[in-house]
C-alpha atoms as a PDB file:
ATOM      1  CA  UNK A   1      63.232 126.608  43.444  1.00  0.00           C
ATOM      2  CA  UNK A   2      65.359 125.691  46.584  1.00  0.00           C
ATOM      3  CA  UNK A   3      62.910 124.444  49.390  1.00  0.00           C
ATOM      4  CA  UNK A   4      63.041 126.095  52.442  1.00  0.00           C
ATOM      5  CA  UNK A   5      65.331 124.666  55.387  1.00  0.00           C
ATOM      6  CA  UNK A   6      64.533 125.106  59.094  1.00  0.00           C
ATOM      7  CA  UNK A   7      66.814 128.080  60.172  1.00  0.00           C
ATOM      8  CA  UNK A   8      67.034 126.617  63.428  1.00  0.00           C
ATOM      9  CA  UNK A   9      68.673 122.929  61.983  1.00  0.00           C
ATOM     10  CA  UNK A  10      71.347 124.765  60.620  1.00  0.00           C
ATOM     11  CA  UNK A  11      72.104 127.072  62.946  1.00  0.00           C
ATOM     12  CA  UNK A  12      72.632 123.591  65.409  1.00  0.00           C
ATOM     13  CA  UNK A  13      74.831 121.992  61.964  1.00  0.00           C
ATOM     14  CA  UNK A  14      77.157 125.432  62.183  1.00  0.00           C
ATOM     15  CA  UNK A  15      77.742 125.271  65.709  1.00  0.00           C
ATOM     16  CA  UNK A  16      78.619 122.045  65.194  1.00  0.00           C
ATOM     17  CA  UNK A  17      81.009 122.545  61.718  1.00  0.00           C
ATOM     18  CA  UNK A  18      82.330 125.851  61.697  1.00  0.00           C
ATOM     19  CA  UNK A  19      84.324 124.928  64.945  1.00  0.00           C
ATOM     20  CA  UNK A  20      86.580 121.952  65.017  1.00  0.00           C
ATOM     21  CA  UNK A  21      84.592 119.841  62.606  1.00  0.00           C
ATOM     22  CA  UNK A  22      85.925 116.759  63.265  1.00  0.00           C
ATOM     23  CA  UNK A  23      83.771 114.256  65.845  1.00  0.00           C
ATOM     24  CA  UNK A  24      83.447 110.652  66.056  1.00  0.00           C
ATOM     25  CA  UNK A  25      80.377 109.356  65.055  1.00  0.00           C
ATOM     26  CA  UNK A  26      78.052 108.370  67.754  1.00  0.00           C
ATOM     27  CA  UNK A  27      76.270 105.105  68.407  1.00  0.00           C
ATOM     28  CA  UNK A  28      74.787 103.306  71.236  1.00  0.00           C
ATOM     29  CA  UNK A  29      76.370 100.126  70.716  1.00  0.00           C
ATOM     30  CA  UNK A  30      79.816 101.044  70.904  1.00  0.00           C
ATOM     31  CA  UNK A  31      81.508  97.951  72.182  1.00  0.00           C
ATOM     32  CA  UNK A  32      81.298  96.062  69.561  1.00  0.00           C
ATOM     33  CA  UNK A  33      81.872  98.573  66.682  1.00  0.00           C
ATOM     34  CA  UNK A  34      85.370  99.429  68.814  1.00  0.00           C
ATOM     35  CA  UNK A  35      87.363 100.494  65.918  1.00  0.00           C
ATOM     36  CA  UNK A  36      85.160 103.500  66.406  1.00  0.00           C
ATOM     37  CA  UNK A  37      86.663 105.115  69.334  1.00  0.00           C
ATOM     38  CA  UNK A  38      90.069 102.725  69.673  1.00  0.00           C
ATOM     39  CA  UNK A  39      92.629 101.632  66.976  1.00  0.00           C
ATOM     40  CA  UNK A  40      93.674  99.158  69.213  1.00  0.00           C
ATOM     41  CA  UNK A  41      90.293  96.850  69.413  1.00  0.00           C
ATOM     42  CA  UNK A  42      91.741  95.488  65.648  1.00  0.00           C
ATOM     43  CA  UNK A  43      91.741  91.857  65.770  1.00  0.00           C
ATOM     44  CA  UNK A  44      90.679  91.547  70.043  1.00  0.00           C
ATOM     45  CA  UNK A  45      87.865  89.130  69.215  1.00  0.00           C
ATOM     46  CA  UNK A  46      90.384  86.718  67.677  1.00  0.00           C
ATOM     47  CA  UNK A  47      87.995  86.282  64.715  1.00  0.00           C
ATOM     48  CA  UNK A  48      87.954  88.087  61.740  1.00  0.00           C
ATOM     49  CA  UNK A  49      84.832  89.845  62.422  1.00  0.00           C
ATOM     50  CA  UNK A  50      82.676  92.476  60.368  1.00  0.00           C
ATOM     51  CA  UNK A  51      80.262  94.971  61.958  1.00  0.00           C
ATOM     52  CA  UNK A  52      77.386  96.799  60.218  1.00  0.00           C
ATOM     53  CA  UNK A  53      75.750  99.829  61.638  1.00  0.00           C
ATOM     54  CA  UNK A  54      73.382 101.911  60.944  1.00  0.00           C
ATOM     55  CA  UNK A  55      72.092 105.063  62.417  1.00  0.00           C
ATOM     56  CA  UNK A  56      69.357 107.541  62.674  1.00  0.00           C
ATOM     57  CA  UNK A  57      69.491 110.203  65.453  1.00  0.00           C
ATOM     58  CA  UNK A  58      66.740 112.562  65.875  1.00  0.00           C
ATOM     59  CA  UNK A  59      63.952 110.759  64.545  1.00  0.00           C
ATOM     60  CA  UNK A  60      61.978 113.842  62.855  1.00  0.00           C
ATOM     61  CA  UNK A  61      63.945 116.311  63.368  1.00  0.00           C
ATOM     62  CA  UNK A  62      64.879 118.201  59.588  1.00  0.00           C
ATOM     63  CA  UNK A  63      68.055 117.637  58.474  1.00  0.00           C
ATOM     64  CA  UNK A  64      69.429 115.126  61.592  1.00  0.00           C
ATOM     65  CA  UNK A  65      72.470 113.262  61.750  1.00  0.00           C
ATOM     66  CA  UNK A  66      72.499 109.636  60.038  1.00  0.00           C
ATOM     67  CA  UNK A  67      75.082 107.572  60.251  1.00  0.00           C
ATOM     68  CA  UNK A  68      76.374 104.167  57.963  1.00  0.00           C
ATOM     69  CA  UNK A  69      79.477 102.876  59.528  1.00  0.00           C
ATOM     70  CA  UNK A  70      80.841  98.901  58.465  1.00  0.00           C
ATOM     71  CA  UNK A  71      83.973  97.712  60.054  1.00  0.00           C
ATOM     72  CA  UNK A  72      86.065  94.870  59.348  1.00  0.00           C
ATOM     73  CA  UNK A  73      89.224  93.253  61.715  1.00  0.00           C
ATOM     74  CA  UNK A  74      91.074  90.814  62.523  1.00  0.00           C
ATOM     75  CA  UNK A  75      93.974  89.007  63.831  1.00  0.00           C
ATOM     76  CA  UNK A  76      96.657  88.373  61.462  1.00  0.00           C
ATOM     77  CA  UNK A  77      99.988  85.690  61.303  1.00  0.00           C
ATOM     78  CA  UNK A  78     100.199  83.971  64.894  1.00  0.00           C
ATOM     79  CA  UNK A  79      97.522  86.897  66.457  1.00  0.00           C
ATOM     80  CA  UNK A  80     100.316  89.133  67.537  1.00  0.00           C
ATOM     81  CA  UNK A  81      98.871  92.014  64.583  1.00  0.00           C
ATOM     82  CA  UNK A  82      95.579  92.892  64.894  1.00  0.00           C
ATOM     83  CA  UNK A  83      94.260  94.938  61.245  1.00  0.00           C
ATOM     84  CA  UNK A  84      91.314  96.784  60.631  1.00  0.00           C
ATOM     85  CA  UNK A  85      89.600  98.550  58.665  1.00  0.00           C
ATOM     86  CA  UNK A  86      86.447 100.876  59.133  1.00  0.00           C
ATOM     87  CA  UNK A  87      84.766 102.764  56.619  1.00  0.00           C
ATOM     88  CA  UNK A  88      81.982 105.293  57.439  1.00  0.00           C
ATOM     89  CA  UNK A  89      79.374 107.839  56.248  1.00  0.00           C
ATOM     90  CA  UNK A  90      77.947 110.489  58.346  1.00  0.00           C
ATOM     91  CA  UNK A  91      75.112 113.382  57.167  1.00  0.00           C
ATOM     92  CA  UNK A  92      73.892 116.735  59.269  1.00  0.00           C
ATOM     93  CA  UNK A  93      71.963 119.205  57.885  1.00  0.00           C
ATOM     94  CA  UNK A  94      74.144 119.991  54.298  1.00  0.00           C
ATOM     95  CA  UNK A  95      77.014 118.299  55.271  1.00  0.00           C
ATOM     96  CA  UNK A  96      78.194 115.204  54.403  1.00  0.00           C
ATOM     97  CA  UNK A  97      81.230 112.915  55.815  1.00  0.00           C
ATOM     98  CA  UNK A  98      82.972 110.002  54.289  1.00  0.00           C
ATOM     99  CA  UNK A  99      85.793 108.468  56.034  1.00  0.00           C
ATOM    100  CA  UNK A 100      88.231 105.213  55.304  1.00  0.00           C
ATOM    101  CA  UNK A 101      90.690 104.683  58.398  1.00  0.00           C
ATOM    102  CA  UNK A 102      92.671 101.802  58.645  1.00  0.00           C
ATOM    103  CA  UNK A 103      93.652 100.382  62.224  1.00  0.00           C
ATOM    104  CA  UNK A 104      96.862  98.320  63.023  1.00  0.00           C
ATOM    105  CA  UNK A 105      97.349  96.846  66.457  1.00  0.00           C
ATOM    106  CA  UNK A 106     100.245  94.837  68.203  1.00  0.00           C
ATOM    107  CA  UNK A 107      98.603  92.395  70.760  1.00  0.00           C
ATOM    108  CA  UNK A 108     100.813  90.838  74.031  1.00  0.00           C
ATOM    109  CA  UNK A 109      99.882  88.825  76.790  1.00  0.00           C
ATOM    110  CA  UNK A 110     100.266  90.430  79.763  1.00  0.00           C
ATOM    111  CA  UNK A 111      99.166  88.806  83.077  1.00  0.00           C
ATOM    112  CA  UNK A 112      95.919  86.929  82.888  1.00  0.00           C
ATOM    113  CA  UNK A 113      94.773  89.073  79.852  1.00  0.00           C
ATOM    114  CA  UNK A 114      96.047  90.747  76.224  1.00  0.00           C
ATOM    115  CA  UNK A 115      96.988  93.988  75.862  1.00  0.00           C
ATOM    116  CA  UNK A 116      97.514  95.649  72.976  1.00  0.00           C
ATOM    117  CA  UNK A 117      98.374  98.987  71.533  1.00  0.00           C
ATOM    118  CA  UNK A 118      96.822 100.561  68.229  1.00  0.00           C
ATOM    119  CA  UNK A 119      97.739 103.522  65.076  1.00  0.00           C
ATOM    120  CA  UNK A 120      95.078 104.393  62.740  1.00  0.00           C
ATOM    121  CA  UNK A 121      95.323 106.091  59.162  1.00  0.00           C
ATOM    122  CA  UNK A 122      92.852 106.927  57.007  1.00  0.00           C
ATOM    123  CA  UNK A 123      91.291 110.437  55.680  1.00  0.00           C
ATOM    124  CA  UNK A 124      87.676 111.996  55.742  1.00  0.00           C
ATOM    125  CA  UNK A 125      86.035 113.609  52.536  1.00  0.00           C
ATOM    126  CA  UNK A 126      84.160 117.065  53.603  1.00  0.00           C
ATOM    127  CA  UNK A 127      81.068 118.369  51.132  1.00  0.00           C
ATOM    128  CA  UNK A 128      79.045 120.808  52.122  1.00  0.00           C
ATOM    129  CA  UNK A 129      75.789 122.099  50.169  1.00  0.00           C
ATOM    130  CA  UNK A 130      75.358 126.138  51.917  1.00  0.00           C
ATOM    131  CA  UNK A 131      73.879 126.772  49.012  1.00  0.00           C
ATOM    132  CA  UNK A 132      70.602 124.693  49.656  1.00  0.00           C
ATOM    133  CA  UNK A 133      69.968 127.085  52.736  1.00  0.00           C
ATOM    134  CA  UNK A 134      67.201 129.446  52.244  1.00  0.00           C
ATOM    135  CA  UNK A 135      68.078 132.788  53.852  1.00  0.00           C
ATOM    136  CA  UNK A 136      67.301 136.033  55.337  1.00  0.00           C
ATOM    137  CA  UNK A 137      69.699 137.636  53.557  1.00  0.00           C
ATOM    138  CA  UNK A 138      71.060 136.053  50.518  1.00  0.00           C
ATOM    139  CA  UNK A 139      74.331 138.263  50.683  1.00  0.00           C
ATOM    140  CA  UNK A 140      75.562 136.009  53.681  1.00  0.00           C
ATOM    141  CA  UNK A 141      79.411 135.167  51.730  1.00  0.00           C
ATOM    142  CA  UNK A 142      79.259 132.294  54.397  1.00  0.00           C
ATOM    143  CA  UNK A 143      76.504 130.643  52.208  1.00  0.00           C
ATOM    144  CA  UNK A 144      77.905 131.973  48.653  1.00  0.00           C
ATOM    145  CA  UNK A 145      79.402 128.862  47.856  1.00  0.00           C
ATOM    146  CA  UNK A 146      79.269 124.232  48.305  1.00  0.00           C
ATOM    147  CA  UNK A 147      82.433 123.069  50.041  1.00  0.00           C
ATOM    148  CA  UNK A 148      83.361 120.263  47.564  1.00  0.00           C
ATOM    149  CA  UNK A 149      85.121 117.249  48.843  1.00  0.00           C
ATOM    150  CA  UNK A 150      87.299 118.645  51.560  1.00  0.00           C
ATOM    151  CA  UNK A 151      90.173 115.839  51.846  1.00  0.00           C
ATOM    152  CA  UNK A 152      90.381 115.647  55.754  1.00  0.00           C
ATOM    153  CA  UNK A 153      93.732 113.568  56.453  1.00  0.00           C
ATOM    154  CA  UNK A 154      93.917 112.107  60.009  1.00  0.00           C
ATOM    155  CA  UNK A 155      95.633 109.678  62.819  1.00  0.00           C
ATOM    156  CA  UNK A 156      94.395 108.213  66.006  1.00  0.00           C
ATOM    157  CA  UNK A 157      96.523 106.044  68.703  1.00  0.00           C
ATOM    158  CA  UNK A 158      94.876 104.159  71.505  1.00  0.00           C
ATOM    159  CA  UNK A 159      95.820 101.169  73.992  1.00  0.00           C
ATOM    160  CA  UNK A 160      93.359  98.155  75.262  1.00  0.00           C
ATOM    161  CA  UNK A 161      93.597  95.504  77.477  1.00  0.00           C
ATOM    162  CA  UNK A 162      91.477  92.841  78.194  1.00  0.00           C
ATOM    163  CA  UNK A 163      91.025  89.815  80.590  1.00  0.00           C
ATOM    164  CA  UNK A 164      87.672  87.744  80.255  1.00  0.00           C
ATOM    165  CA  UNK A 165      86.318  88.932  82.798  1.00  0.00           C
ATOM    166  CA  UNK A 166      87.027  93.109  82.430  1.00  0.00           C
ATOM    167  CA  UNK A 167      88.328  95.563  79.801  1.00  0.00           C
ATOM    168  CA  UNK A 168      90.202  98.855  79.816  1.00  0.00           C
ATOM    169  CA  UNK A 169      90.851 101.043  76.983  1.00  0.00           C
ATOM    170  CA  UNK A 170      92.277 104.982  76.498  1.00  0.00           C
ATOM    171  CA  UNK A 171      92.587 106.501  73.005  1.00  0.00           C
ATOM    172  CA  UNK A 172      92.421 109.791  71.010  1.00  0.00           C
ATOM    173  CA  UNK A 173      90.688 109.434  68.041  1.00  0.00           C
ATOM    174  CA  UNK A 174      92.086 113.175  66.479  1.00  0.00           C
ATOM    175  CA  UNK A 175      95.702 113.520  66.142  1.00  0.00           C
ATOM    176  CA  UNK A 176      95.269 116.082  63.506  1.00  0.00           C
ATOM    177  CA  UNK A 177      92.505 119.048  63.917  1.00  0.00           C
ATOM    178  CA  UNK A 178      91.129 120.953  60.990  1.00  0.00           C
ATOM    179  CA  UNK A 179      89.009 124.253  61.235  1.00  0.00           C
ATOM    180  CA  UNK A 180      87.071 125.679  58.741  1.00  0.00           C
ATOM    181  CA  UNK A 181      87.402 128.722  58.042  1.00  0.00           C
ATOM    182  CA  UNK A 182      84.889 130.988  56.255  1.00  0.00           C
ATOM    183  CA  UNK A 183      87.056 134.000  55.808  1.00  0.00           C
ATOM    184  CA  UNK A 184      89.216 131.893  53.657  1.00  0.00           C
ATOM    185  CA  UNK A 185      89.586 129.218  51.108  1.00  0.00           C
ATOM    186  CA  UNK A 186      87.626 126.636  53.505  1.00  0.00           C
ATOM    187  CA  UNK A 187      89.411 124.312  55.799  1.00  0.00           C
ATOM    188  CA  UNK A 188      92.920 124.393  57.238  1.00  0.00           C
ATOM    189  CA  UNK A 189      95.119 123.398  59.895  1.00  0.00           C
ATOM    190  CA  UNK A 190      94.084 124.353  63.287  1.00  0.00           C
ATOM    191  CA  UNK A 191      97.112 124.955  66.363  1.00  0.00           C
ATOM    192  CA  UNK A 192      94.879 124.687  68.565  1.00  0.00           C
ATOM    193  CA  UNK A 193      95.129 121.461  70.979  1.00  0.00           C
ATOM    194  CA  UNK A 194      92.068 121.749  73.114  1.00  0.00           C
ATOM    195  CA  UNK A 195      89.735 118.998  71.406  1.00  0.00           C
ATOM    196  CA  UNK A 196      91.826 115.804  70.830  1.00  0.00           C
ATOM    197  CA  UNK A 197      88.617 114.147  72.095  1.00  0.00           C
ATOM    198  CA  UNK A 198      90.679 111.958  74.803  1.00  0.00           C
ATOM    199  CA  UNK A 199      88.179 108.881  75.346  1.00  0.00           C
ATOM    200  CA  UNK A 200      88.533 106.297  78.649  1.00  0.00           C
ATOM    201  CA  UNK A 201      86.232 102.938  78.518  1.00  0.00           C
ATOM    202  CA  UNK A 202      86.047 100.544  80.606  1.00  0.00           C
ATOM    203  CA  UNK A 203      83.486  97.488  82.322  1.00  0.00           C
ATOM    204  CA  UNK A 204      83.542  94.519  83.952  1.00  0.00           C
ATOM    205  CA  UNK A 205      81.109  91.084  83.820  1.00  0.00           C
ATOM    206  CA  UNK A 206      79.990  90.026  87.081  1.00  0.00           C
ATOM    207  CA  UNK A 207      78.025  86.490  87.298  1.00  0.00           C
ATOM    208  CA  UNK A 208      74.962  86.379  88.631  1.00  0.00           C
ATOM    209  CA  UNK A 209      73.382  83.041  88.592  1.00  0.00           C
ATOM    210  CA  UNK A 210      74.070  80.112  86.308  1.00  0.00           C
ATOM    211  CA  UNK A 211      73.041  81.256  83.115  1.00  0.00           C
ATOM    212  CA  UNK A 212      72.893  85.702  83.950  1.00  0.00           C
ATOM    213  CA  UNK A 213      75.631  87.585  84.111  1.00  0.00           C
ATOM    214  CA  UNK A 214      75.547  91.531  84.585  1.00  0.00           C
ATOM    215  CA  UNK A 215      77.866  93.915  82.768  1.00  0.00           C
ATOM    216  CA  UNK A 216      78.423  97.597  83.819  1.00  0.00           C
ATOM    217  CA  UNK A 217      80.488  99.960  81.818  1.00  0.00           C
ATOM    218  CA  UNK A 218      81.483 102.704  80.849  1.00  0.00           C
ATOM    219  CA  UNK A 219      82.832 105.378  78.090  1.00  0.00           C
ATOM    220  CA  UNK A 220      84.008 108.733  79.271  1.00  0.00           C
ATOM    221  CA  UNK A 221      85.512 111.725  76.566  1.00  0.00           C
ATOM    222  CA  UNK A 222      86.290 114.917  76.402  1.00  0.00           C
ATOM    223  CA  UNK A 223      85.441 117.582  73.555  1.00  0.00           C
ATOM    224  CA  UNK A 224      86.429 120.857  73.640  1.00  0.00           C
ATOM    225  CA  UNK A 225      83.262 122.192  72.950  1.00  0.00           C
ATOM    226  CA  UNK A 226      80.851 120.445  74.889  1.00  0.00           C
ATOM    227  CA  UNK A 227      82.671 119.541  77.861  1.00  0.00           C
ATOM    228  CA  UNK A 228      83.383 116.071  79.669  1.00  0.00           C
ATOM    229  CA  UNK A 229      80.274 113.584  78.926  1.00  0.00           C
ATOM    230  CA  UNK A 230      79.928 110.078  79.999  1.00  0.00           C
ATOM    231  CA  UNK A 231      78.203 107.070  79.087  1.00  0.00           C
ATOM    232  CA  UNK A 232      76.778 104.586  81.628  1.00  0.00           C
ATOM    233  CA  UNK A 233      75.539 101.445  80.635  1.00  0.00           C
ATOM    234  CA  UNK A 234      74.707  98.008  82.027  1.00  0.00           C
ATOM    235  CA  UNK A 235      74.192  94.821  80.032  1.00  0.00           C
ATOM    236  CA  UNK A 236      71.963  92.281  81.404  1.00  0.00           C
ATOM    237  CA  UNK A 237      73.043  88.899  79.819  1.00  0.00           C
ATOM    238  CA  UNK A 238      71.033  85.318  79.743  1.00  0.00           C
ATOM    239  CA  UNK A 239      72.024  82.160  78.295  1.00  0.00           C
ATOM    240  CA  UNK A 240      74.864  83.997  76.392  1.00  0.00           C
ATOM    241  CA  UNK A 241      71.802  84.905  73.993  1.00  0.00           C
ATOM    242  CA  UNK A 242      70.033  87.682  74.921  1.00  0.00           C
ATOM    243  CA  UNK A 243      71.425  91.331  76.325  1.00  0.00           C
ATOM    244  CA  UNK A 244      69.086  93.226  77.805  1.00  0.00           C
ATOM    245  CA  UNK A 245      70.964  96.512  78.355  1.00  0.00           C
ATOM    246  CA  UNK A 246      69.765 100.278  79.641  1.00  0.00           C
ATOM    247  CA  UNK A 247      72.269 103.593  79.283  1.00  0.00           C
ATOM    248  CA  UNK A 248      72.209 107.085  80.698  1.00  0.00           C
ATOM    249  CA  UNK A 249      74.312 109.479  78.454  1.00  0.00           C
ATOM    250  CA  UNK A 250      75.013 112.259  80.355  1.00  0.00           C
ATOM    251  CA  UNK A 251      72.763 115.496  79.647  1.00  0.00           C
ATOM    252  CA  UNK A 252      71.950 113.761  76.447  1.00  0.00           C
ATOM    253  CA  UNK A 253      69.915 110.859  76.539  1.00  0.00           C
ATOM    254  CA  UNK A 254      68.694 107.243  77.891  1.00  0.00           C
ATOM    255  CA  UNK A 255      69.263 104.160  76.208  1.00  0.00           C
ATOM    256  CA  UNK A 256      67.559 100.680  75.968  1.00  0.00           C
ATOM    257  CA  UNK A 257      68.696  98.055  73.950  1.00  0.00           C
ATOM    258  CA  UNK A 258      68.442  95.074  73.147  1.00  0.00           C
ATOM    259  CA  UNK A 259      71.063  92.079  71.596  1.00  0.00           C
ATOM    260  CA  UNK A 260      69.960  88.841  70.411  1.00  0.00           C
ATOM    261  CA  UNK A 261      72.861  86.278  69.347  1.00  0.00           C
ATOM    262  CA  UNK A 262      71.042  83.362  66.719  1.00  0.00           C
ATOM    263  CA  UNK A 263      74.068  81.362  67.109  1.00  0.00           C
ATOM    264  CA  UNK A 264      77.858  81.979  68.058  1.00  0.00           C
ATOM    265  CA  UNK A 265      78.193  83.604  65.381  1.00  0.00           C
ATOM    266  CA  UNK A 266      75.750  85.853  64.300  1.00  0.00           C
ATOM    267  CA  UNK A 267      74.692  88.863  66.837  1.00  0.00           C
ATOM    268  CA  UNK A 268      71.829  91.462  66.339  1.00  0.00           C
ATOM    269  CA  UNK A 269      71.077  94.608  68.202  1.00  0.00           C
ATOM    270  CA  UNK A 270      68.864  97.445  68.296  1.00  0.00           C
ATOM    271  CA  UNK A 271      68.895 100.535  70.372  1.00  0.00           C
ATOM    272  CA  UNK A 272      66.676 103.709  71.147  1.00  0.00           C
ATOM    273  CA  UNK A 273      67.812 107.039  72.290  1.00  0.00           C
ATOM    274  CA  UNK A 274      65.352 108.817  74.424  1.00  0.00           C
ATOM    275  CA  UNK A 275      67.084 112.291  74.358  1.00  0.00           C
ATOM    276  CA  UNK A 276      67.091 114.689  77.211  1.00  0.00           C
ATOM    277  CA  UNK A 277      68.237 118.016  76.509  1.00  0.00           C
ATOM    278  CA  UNK A 278      66.909 121.107  75.180  1.00  0.00           C
ATOM    279  CA  UNK A 279      66.339 119.399  71.397  1.00  0.00           C
ATOM    280  CA  UNK A 280      64.514 116.442  72.821  1.00  0.00           C
ATOM    281  CA  UNK A 281      60.941 118.039  71.754  1.00  0.00           C
ATOM    282  CA  UNK A 282      61.260 118.295  68.559  1.00  0.00           C
ATOM    283  CA  UNK A 283      62.043 115.083  67.857  1.00  0.00           C
ATOM    284  CA  UNK A 284      61.145 111.575  68.475  1.00  0.00           C
ATOM    285  CA  UNK A 285      64.421 109.608  69.493  1.00  0.00           C
ATOM    286  CA  UNK A 286      67.238 108.025  67.905  1.00  0.00           C
ATOM    287  CA  UNK A 287      67.152 104.463  66.058  1.00  0.00           C
ATOM    288  CA  UNK A 288      69.910 102.162  65.793  1.00  0.00           C
ATOM    289  CA  UNK A 289      70.859  99.059  64.328  1.00  0.00           C
ATOM    290  CA  UNK A 290      73.876  96.767  64.484  1.00  0.00           C
ATOM    291  CA  UNK A 291      74.803  93.543  63.064  1.00  0.00           C
ATOM    292  CA  UNK A 292      77.907  91.396  63.266  1.00  0.00           C
ATOM    293  CA  UNK A 293      79.245  88.320  62.099  1.00  0.00           C
ATOM    294  CA  UNK A 294      82.345  86.424  63.573  1.00  0.00           C
ATOM    295  CA  UNK A 295      83.922  84.429  60.652  1.00  0.00           C
ATOM    296  CA  UNK A 296      85.566  82.713  63.470  1.00  0.00           C
ATOM    297  CA  UNK A 297      88.768  80.353  63.157  1.00  0.00           C
ATOM    298  CA  UNK A 298      86.420  78.814  66.274  1.00  0.00           C
ATOM    299  CA  UNK A 299      83.083  79.043  67.675  1.00  0.00           C
ATOM    300  CA  UNK A 300      83.580  80.012  71.398  1.00  0.00           C
ATOM    301  CA  UNK A 301      80.792  77.811  73.231  1.00  0.00           C
ATOM    302  CA  UNK A 302      82.746  77.590  75.842  1.00  0.00           C
ATOM    303  CA  UNK A 303      84.658  80.894  76.438  1.00  0.00           C
ATOM    304  CA  UNK A 304      82.196  83.191  74.800  1.00  0.00           C
ATOM    305  CA  UNK A 305      83.280  87.271  74.273  1.00  0.00           C
ATOM    306  CA  UNK A 306      81.435  90.076  76.339  1.00  0.00           C
ATOM    307  CA  UNK A 307      83.527  93.004  74.644  1.00  0.00           C
END
């Protein structure tokens, strides 16, 4: 006998998945896993960099999103080229999406910094076990069969510019749109161009004292389903080893974060999201942990990177 599943959970999942179903897995520490939002980020840290991120959103809420991501990227040749790989698994309710995306960037020196243009290509395998949902009307055809391994290719593009003190980027994570049609045979291409989810990121590092820096940053994105959303963030950097951060995601959450650099190559991070939406009364917030290592061609004691 199937375990009953809270109908509100699946109402939430359906509202997100029946429409334009691709979405960028949400993370609060996106600046150090930049391939998630911009393929031009590949190779930007001038070292072979590996990042592992685990996020459990809306703890205590049945069917809440759980995301695991691994990214690896590095400059190639004479550092004009950057190559990256992003692998992720994103589960929400009865639906599970696993994606593999390769990222390529061409990097040039421009004025006092570096300008990169990037493209990405990959695919997502999507599966939904609709038949596990407990229904009041068992004849509902939308839940009559599972979606098994739907294959969805996609492409991305972006640009990224950075100096030692500031950065700016623009990207479009999805160039091919897919829509799930319950009256047809599953996934099909959509003719709509209203949900490409364009993103803009920017940030600056201010020197407040000898061992204290302040780094405000923002991420602005647009989705057809939810409109304009912005992350307004600020990090206090202490002695290059401790990052204490606070963020506000419009209409969604307050975020507190702490990152520790035990060595110039290791970075360990934790973020907690305090929900502000109508769902906040039904969960205990969101937790995210991150581990990053730079194999590094050199250790940047005198030239640390802040993004």
